[in-house]
Amino acid sequence: MGTIKPIYTVSEQLMDEVDPTLLDLVKTTVNSFTKWDLARFYSENPHVIVTAETVARRLKCNNLAAIRLALEELADGGLIQKFVYDETTSYYALAADERTKDLVNSFIVACEDDDFRLKTVYHITQEMFRI
């Protein structure tokens, strides 16, 4: 008798050969298109400390509430640092530690690969439509 081969889910097949650290980042932190845009923004501007309004304007995003929520979630996850200025104004920056900066940059570089982008889109849409 032959050996029984395991049946992989589509998700497992799509993520074969993806760096486990990047896979974890996509599954737990950069798990929305808005957060992906923010990761790209901070990768391209690693030294900026700006308000959510400034980020939204720079990303040409009309949904300020989505930007604020994503920034707060990324701050909770440690990817972004939040600086509270007063009761109504907060500033956001890429986390200062080199490990986080390297992780964000690795993600953005990986996104240059069509297969990685497809896999990332798959995981984000799965998260969006999760019931």
Protein backbone atom coordinates (compact mmCIF):
# COMPACT_ATOMS: atom_id res chain seq x y z
CA MET A 1 0.00 0.00 0.00
CA GLY A 2 1.13 3.54 -0.73
CA THR A 3 1.51 6.22 1.83
CA ILE A 4 -1.35 8.56 2.47
CA LYS A 5 -0.50 12.13 1.59
CA PRO A 6 -1.92 14.84 3.81
CA ILE A 7 -4.61 17.03 2.35
CA TYR A 8 -3.61 20.68 2.55
CA THR A 9 -6.02 23.51 2.78
CA VAL A 10 -5.86 26.19 0.12
CA SER A 11 -4.39 28.49 2.75
CA GLU A 12 -1.54 26.09 3.51
CA GLN A 13 -0.81 25.58 -0.17
CA LEU A 14 -0.73 29.31 -0.80
CA MET A 15 1.73 29.93 1.99
CA ASP A 16 4.21 27.15 1.20
CA GLU A 17 7.73 28.56 1.14
CA VAL A 18 6.81 31.86 2.82
CA ASP A 19 9.12 33.04 5.57
CA PRO A 20 7.31 32.09 8.81
CA THR A 21 8.06 35.50 10.33
CA LEU A 22 6.39 37.28 7.40
CA LEU A 23 3.49 34.83 7.46
CA ASP A 24 2.95 35.59 11.15
CA LEU A 25 3.10 39.33 10.40
CA VAL A 26 0.39 38.99 7.75
CA LYS A 27 -1.81 36.77 9.90
CA THR A 28 -1.56 38.80 13.10
CA THR A 29 -0.54 42.37 12.37
CA VAL A 30 -0.65 43.54 8.76
CA ASN A 31 -4.02 41.86 8.31
CA SER A 32 -5.88 44.55 6.36
CA PHE A 33 -5.24 46.57 3.24
CA THR A 34 -5.14 49.75 5.32
CA LYS A 35 -2.43 48.28 7.56
CA TRP A 36 -0.54 47.15 4.46
CA ASP A 37 -0.65 50.75 3.19
CA LEU A 38 0.57 51.96 6.58
CA ALA A 39 3.43 49.45 6.59
CA ARG A 40 4.47 50.72 3.15
CA PHE A 41 4.13 54.35 4.25
CA TYR A 42 6.33 53.86 7.33
CA SER A 43 8.83 51.76 5.39
CA GLU A 44 9.23 54.62 2.94
CA ASN A 45 9.22 57.22 5.74
CA PRO A 46 10.84 55.48 8.72
CA HIS A 47 11.67 58.67 10.64
CA VAL A 48 8.37 60.56 10.41
CA ILE A 49 6.23 61.24 13.46
CA VAL A 50 2.84 62.35 12.18
CA THR A 51 -0.84 62.52 13.03
CA ALA A 52 -3.45 60.17 11.59
CA GLU A 53 -4.73 63.09 9.52
CA THR A 54 -1.32 63.60 7.94
CA VAL A 55 -1.00 59.89 7.16
CA ALA A 56 -4.47 59.86 5.59
CA ARG A 57 -3.62 62.90 3.48
CA ARG A 58 -0.29 61.42 2.35
CA LEU A 59 -2.00 58.12 1.47
CA LYS A 60 -4.84 59.99 -0.26
CA CYS A 61 -7.29 58.12 1.94
CA ASN A 62 -10.68 59.68 2.62
CA ASN A 63 -11.48 57.26 5.44
CA LEU A 64 -9.75 58.89 8.42
CA ALA A 65 -11.57 56.59 10.86
CA ALA A 66 -10.04 53.52 9.16
CA ILE A 67 -6.57 55.08 9.33
CA ARG A 68 -6.99 55.92 13.02
CA LEU A 69 -8.26 52.43 13.86
CA ALA A 70 -5.44 50.75 11.92
CA LEU A 71 -2.81 52.96 13.57
CA GLU A 72 -4.21 52.17 17.01
CA GLU A 73 -4.19 48.44 16.27
CA LEU A 74 -0.63 48.61 14.91
CA ALA A 75 0.39 50.54 18.03
CA ASP A 76 -1.22 47.87 20.22
CA GLY A 77 0.73 45.26 18.24
CA GLY A 78 4.03 47.10 18.69
CA LEU A 79 4.67 47.92 15.02
CA ILE A 80 3.87 51.60 15.52
CA GLN A 81 4.63 53.91 18.45
CA LYS A 82 1.94 56.28 19.63
CA PHE A 83 2.80 59.62 21.20
CA VAL A 84 -0.06 61.43 22.91
CA TYR A 85 0.33 65.19 22.65
CA ASP A 86 -2.91 66.29 24.26
CA GLU A 87 -6.43 64.98 24.72
CA THR A 88 -7.22 65.30 21.02
CA THR A 89 -3.88 64.88 19.23
CA SER A 90 -1.73 61.78 18.86
CA TYR A 91 1.32 61.25 16.72
CA TYR A 92 2.47 57.97 15.24
CA ALA A 93 5.88 56.66 14.21
CA LEU A 94 7.40 53.37 13.18
CA ALA A 95 8.60 51.51 16.26
CA ALA A 96 12.16 52.53 17.05
CA ASP A 97 13.71 49.08 17.48
CA GLU A 98 15.75 47.73 14.58
CA ARG A 99 13.99 44.36 14.61
CA THR A 100 10.64 45.97 13.85
CA LYS A 101 12.10 48.23 11.19
CA ASP A 102 13.79 45.23 9.55
CA LEU A 103 10.56 43.23 9.70
CA VAL A 104 8.54 45.99 8.03
CA ASN A 105 11.22 46.46 5.38
CA SER A 106 11.38 42.70 4.75
CA PHE A 107 7.61 42.64 4.29
CA ILE A 108 7.70 45.52 1.81
CA VAL A 109 10.56 43.93 -0.15
CA ALA A 110 8.70 40.60 -0.20
CA CYS A 111 5.67 42.47 -1.59
CA GLU A 112 7.67 43.16 -4.74
CA ASP A 113 7.20 39.47 -5.58
CA ASP A 114 3.92 38.72 -7.38
CA ASP A 115 3.43 35.38 -5.63
CA PHE A 116 3.95 36.87 -2.18
CA ARG A 117 1.51 39.71 -2.93
CA LEU A 118 -1.09 37.17 -4.10
CA LYS A 119 -0.64 35.15 -0.93
CA THR A 120 -0.90 38.26 1.21
CA VAL A 121 -4.07 39.39 -0.57
CA TYR A 122 -5.54 35.93 -0.03
CA HIS A 123 -4.91 36.05 3.72
CA ILE A 124 -6.21 39.58 4.09
CA THR A 125 -9.42 38.80 2.20
CA GLN A 126 -9.87 35.64 4.26
CA GLU A 127 -9.62 37.78 7.39
CA MET A 128 -12.05 40.35 5.98
CA PHE A 129 -14.72 37.77 5.23
CA ARG A 130 -14.21 35.61 8.29
CA ILE A 131 -17.54 34.92 9.93
